[in-house]
């Protein structure tokens, strides 16, 4: 048995990254939001207790990178990321198929939609952005863990790849769990297709207006 004292716990917590910003692909297209709200309305009409677990549709996104930036690095990111303006391809996504985090659907912490189309394009974009940030010393894999990203393959063909990619639909923000089994069983083929992702955002992690997307340091248009 390993015994960890309070001092060790405090030191470990101090080593954990304190994320301040993140790079994401917003999922806020009107027809996606409409489909999300329609399904939410149908579910909560039968199960009003699940209302508290739904995420705001205005903030739906896929995270590519989590960043821990000081003031100097914030200025640097604002200068270098626009170099990608109109140089990255937009992505057409299809969301289909449910997944969850938890011991079983009846005791779930997250319910999400899987990426049925566009997964490779997302990973290609993640690799390109991550390599760029490492080259500009914004990310340092030798000194810090990369959130949800691993280096795969053999040199010289190594690439950064997201470990999990999905669109979170419901989430427990506390220790509580929720039962998503009826949603999975009632809507097994739920799908949202034709999602054109045409922007890349570097945003600030902080409380925001619930009806708006996260406040951005910069927005990169995809072509």
Protein backbone atom coordinates (compact mmCIF):
# COMPACT_ATOMS: atom_id res chain seq x y z
CA UNK A 1 0.00 0.00 0.00
CA UNK A 2 1.25 3.47 -0.90
CA UNK A 3 0.61 6.15 1.71
CA UNK A 4 0.46 9.73 0.42
CA UNK A 5 0.54 12.52 2.99
CA UNK A 6 -1.20 15.88 2.66
CA UNK A 7 2.04 17.62 1.65
CA UNK A 8 2.48 15.21 -1.27
CA UNK A 9 -1.12 15.77 -2.38
CA UNK A 10 -0.62 19.54 -2.30
CA UNK A 11 2.62 19.27 -4.29
CA UNK A 12 0.94 17.04 -6.90
CA UNK A 13 -1.93 19.51 -7.29
CA UNK A 14 0.54 22.35 -7.75
CA UNK A 15 2.13 20.44 -10.65
CA UNK A 16 -1.16 20.05 -12.47
CA UNK A 17 -1.56 22.43 -15.43
CA UNK A 18 -3.76 25.44 -14.78
CA UNK A 19 -5.45 25.75 -18.15
CA UNK A 20 -6.24 29.33 -19.12
CA UNK A 21 -7.14 29.00 -22.83
CA UNK A 22 -8.11 26.36 -25.36
CA UNK A 23 -8.17 25.92 -29.14
CA UNK A 24 -11.43 24.55 -30.49
CA UNK A 25 -13.71 23.91 -33.41
CA UNK A 26 -17.10 25.50 -32.57
CA UNK A 27 -20.15 23.33 -33.27
CA UNK A 28 -22.70 26.14 -33.39
CA UNK A 29 -24.19 25.89 -36.89
CA UNK A 30 -27.93 26.71 -36.85
CA UNK A 31 -29.16 23.30 -38.04
CA UNK A 32 -26.96 21.53 -35.47
CA UNK A 33 -28.27 23.73 -32.66
CA UNK A 34 -31.84 23.20 -33.88
CA UNK A 35 -31.42 19.40 -33.87
CA UNK A 36 -29.84 19.53 -30.41
CA UNK A 37 -32.63 21.65 -28.94
CA UNK A 38 -35.35 19.52 -30.55
CA UNK A 39 -33.95 16.33 -29.06
CA UNK A 40 -33.40 18.02 -25.70
CA UNK A 41 -37.05 19.15 -25.67
CA UNK A 42 -38.28 15.63 -26.46
CA UNK A 43 -36.13 14.05 -23.75
CA UNK A 44 -36.88 16.55 -20.99
CA UNK A 45 -40.62 16.43 -21.66
CA UNK A 46 -40.52 12.78 -20.56
CA UNK A 47 -37.63 13.11 -18.11
CA UNK A 48 -37.56 16.63 -16.62
CA UNK A 49 -35.01 15.51 -14.03
CA UNK A 50 -32.40 15.31 -16.81
CA UNK A 51 -32.64 19.03 -17.63
CA UNK A 52 -29.74 19.91 -15.33
CA UNK A 53 -27.30 17.70 -17.24
CA UNK A 54 -27.70 19.26 -20.68
CA UNK A 55 -24.96 21.56 -21.96
CA UNK A 56 -25.68 24.93 -23.53
CA UNK A 57 -25.88 24.62 -27.31
CA UNK A 58 -24.14 27.99 -27.79
CA UNK A 59 -20.88 26.56 -26.40
CA UNK A 60 -20.77 23.21 -28.23
CA UNK A 61 -17.28 22.52 -29.57
CA UNK A 62 -14.47 20.03 -30.16
CA UNK A 63 -11.31 20.84 -28.20
CA UNK A 64 -7.98 20.48 -30.01
CA UNK A 65 -5.52 21.92 -27.47
CA UNK A 66 -5.61 23.06 -23.87
CA UNK A 67 -3.17 25.88 -23.09
CA UNK A 68 -1.60 27.33 -19.96
CA UNK A 69 -0.56 30.85 -20.96
CA UNK A 70 1.00 33.77 -19.14
CA UNK A 71 0.55 37.37 -20.35
CA UNK A 72 3.59 37.21 -22.63
CA UNK A 73 2.42 33.96 -24.21
CA UNK A 74 -1.07 35.36 -24.73
CA UNK A 75 0.40 38.17 -26.82
CA UNK A 76 2.54 35.66 -28.70
CA UNK A 77 -0.42 33.41 -29.55
CA UNK A 78 -2.41 36.42 -30.75
CA UNK A 79 0.43 37.20 -33.16
CA UNK A 80 1.31 33.74 -34.47
CA UNK A 81 -2.05 31.98 -34.84
CA UNK A 82 -3.32 34.45 -37.48
CA UNK A 83 -0.50 33.14 -39.69
CA UNK A 84 -2.87 30.24 -40.35
CA UNK A 85 -5.57 32.55 -41.70
CA UNK A 86 -7.10 30.99 -44.84
CA UNK A 87 -4.47 28.23 -44.84
CA UNK A 88 -6.38 25.44 -43.10
CA UNK A 89 -9.14 23.36 -44.71
CA UNK A 90 -12.66 23.43 -43.32
CA UNK A 91 -14.14 20.13 -42.15
CA UNK A 92 -17.49 18.53 -42.92
CA UNK A 93 -18.70 16.47 -39.96
CA UNK A 94 -21.38 13.91 -39.26
CA UNK A 95 -22.25 13.11 -35.65
CA UNK A 96 -23.79 9.67 -35.19
CA UNK A 97 -23.78 7.03 -32.50
CA UNK A 98 -23.93 7.45 -28.75
CA UNK A 99 -21.14 6.92 -26.26
CA UNK A 100 -20.92 7.52 -22.53
CA UNK A 101 -18.44 7.75 -19.69
CA UNK A 102 -19.39 5.81 -16.59
CA UNK A 103 -19.66 2.28 -15.26
CA UNK A 104 -22.90 1.72 -17.18
CA UNK A 105 -25.52 3.84 -19.00
CA UNK A 106 -27.65 3.99 -15.86
CA UNK A 107 -24.72 5.53 -13.96
CA UNK A 108 -23.26 7.87 -16.55
CA UNK A 109 -21.18 11.02 -16.11
CA UNK A 110 -21.11 12.04 -19.81
CA UNK A 111 -23.26 11.29 -22.82
CA UNK A 112 -21.75 12.17 -26.20
CA UNK A 113 -22.17 11.78 -29.94
CA UNK A 114 -19.39 10.08 -31.86
CA UNK A 115 -17.69 11.58 -34.90
CA UNK A 116 -18.97 9.42 -37.77
CA UNK A 117 -17.37 11.50 -40.52
CA UNK A 118 -14.44 13.93 -40.38
CA UNK A 119 -12.37 12.26 -37.65
CA UNK A 120 -9.19 12.02 -39.74
CA UNK A 121 -9.48 15.66 -40.78
CA UNK A 122 -9.84 16.70 -37.13
CA UNK A 123 -6.71 14.76 -36.18
CA UNK A 124 -4.78 16.19 -39.13
CA UNK A 125 -5.72 19.69 -37.98
CA UNK A 126 -4.81 18.89 -34.37
CA UNK A 127 -1.39 17.62 -35.48
CA UNK A 128 -0.69 20.70 -37.57
CA UNK A 129 -1.70 23.11 -34.80
CA UNK A 130 0.18 21.17 -32.11
CA UNK A 131 3.40 20.98 -34.16
CA UNK A 132 3.11 24.74 -34.80
CA UNK A 133 2.65 25.52 -31.09
CA UNK A 134 5.58 23.26 -30.11
CA UNK A 135 7.84 24.90 -32.70
CA UNK A 136 6.93 28.32 -31.29
CA UNK A 137 7.50 27.19 -27.67
CA UNK A 138 3.89 27.67 -26.64
CA UNK A 139 3.63 23.95 -25.87
CA UNK A 140 6.54 21.93 -24.47
CA UNK A 141 5.84 18.16 -24.44
CA UNK A 142 9.12 17.54 -22.56
CA UNK A 143 7.99 19.65 -19.61
CA UNK A 144 4.20 19.37 -19.63
CA UNK A 145 1.54 16.82 -20.41
CA UNK A 146 -0.54 17.50 -23.49
CA UNK A 147 -4.23 17.30 -22.64
CA UNK A 148 -5.93 14.42 -24.51
CA UNK A 149 -3.09 14.28 -27.08
CA UNK A 150 -0.47 11.60 -27.64
CA UNK A 151 2.45 11.27 -30.04
CA UNK A 152 2.00 8.22 -32.28
CA UNK A 153 4.04 6.50 -34.99
CA UNK A 154 7.75 6.22 -35.61
CA UNK A 155 10.16 9.00 -36.60
CA UNK A 156 10.16 10.76 -39.01
CA UNK A 157 6.43 10.13 -39.41
CA UNK A 158 5.31 10.80 -35.84
CA UNK A 159 2.09 12.74 -35.42
CA UNK A 160 0.13 14.24 -32.56
CA UNK A 161 -3.27 12.58 -32.26
CA UNK A 162 -6.31 13.22 -30.07
CA UNK A 163 -6.95 10.31 -27.73
CA UNK A 164 -10.71 10.86 -27.74
CA UNK A 165 -12.84 12.95 -30.09
CA UNK A 166 -16.54 13.45 -29.51
CA UNK A 167 -19.29 16.04 -29.09
CA UNK A 168 -20.52 16.11 -25.49
CA UNK A 169 -24.32 16.15 -25.26
CA UNK A 170 -24.88 15.84 -21.50
CA UNK A 171 -22.54 16.11 -18.54
CA UNK A 172 -22.68 15.81 -14.77
CA UNK A 173 -20.88 18.77 -13.17
CA UNK A 174 -21.00 17.18 -9.71
CA UNK A 175 -20.50 13.72 -8.23
CA UNK A 176 -24.01 12.84 -9.36
CA UNK A 177 -24.61 10.48 -12.28
CA UNK A 178 -27.58 10.19 -14.60
CA UNK A 179 -29.40 7.47 -16.52
CA UNK A 180 -28.85 7.82 -20.28
CA UNK A 181 -29.97 4.28 -21.17
CA UNK A 182 -33.43 5.36 -22.35
CA UNK A 183 -31.94 8.02 -24.64
CA UNK A 184 -29.55 5.51 -26.21
CA UNK A 185 -32.35 2.96 -26.65
CA UNK A 186 -35.00 5.37 -27.93
CA UNK A 187 -32.73 7.29 -30.35
CA UNK A 188 -30.15 4.67 -31.43
CA UNK A 189 -29.74 6.14 -34.93
CA UNK A 190 -29.76 9.82 -34.00
CA UNK A 191 -27.60 11.68 -36.50
CA UNK A 192 -26.64 15.24 -37.38
CA UNK A 193 -24.90 15.50 -40.75
CA UNK A 194 -23.67 18.26 -43.04
CA UNK A 195 -21.89 20.20 -40.31
CA UNK A 196 -19.43 22.57 -41.98
CA UNK A 197 -16.78 23.61 -39.47
CA UNK A 198 -15.22 26.75 -40.93
CA UNK A 199 -13.61 28.41 -37.91
CA UNK A 200 -10.85 27.66 -35.43
CA UNK A 201 -11.01 29.57 -32.14
CA UNK A 202 -8.46 30.24 -29.44
CA UNK A 203 -10.64 31.09 -26.47
CA UNK A 204 -10.41 32.07 -22.82
CA UNK A 205 -11.55 29.64 -20.13
CA UNK A 206 -13.73 31.65 -17.80
CA UNK A 207 -17.43 32.14 -17.03
CA UNK A 208 -19.25 33.62 -19.99
CA UNK A 209 -22.71 34.69 -21.03
CA UNK A 210 -24.65 31.41 -21.31
CA UNK A 211 -26.04 32.44 -24.71
CA UNK A 212 -22.67 33.22 -26.31
CA UNK A 213 -19.60 31.24 -27.34
CA UNK A 214 -16.43 31.58 -25.29
CA UNK A 215 -14.57 34.89 -25.58
CA UNK A 216 -11.85 34.48 -28.21
CA UNK A 217 -8.26 35.68 -28.39
CA UNK A 218 -8.40 35.11 -32.13
CA UNK A 219 -10.55 33.41 -34.76
CA UNK A 220 -9.04 31.64 -37.76
CA UNK A 221 -11.17 31.12 -40.87
CA UNK A 222 -10.92 27.70 -42.48
CA UNK A 223 -11.28 27.41 -46.25
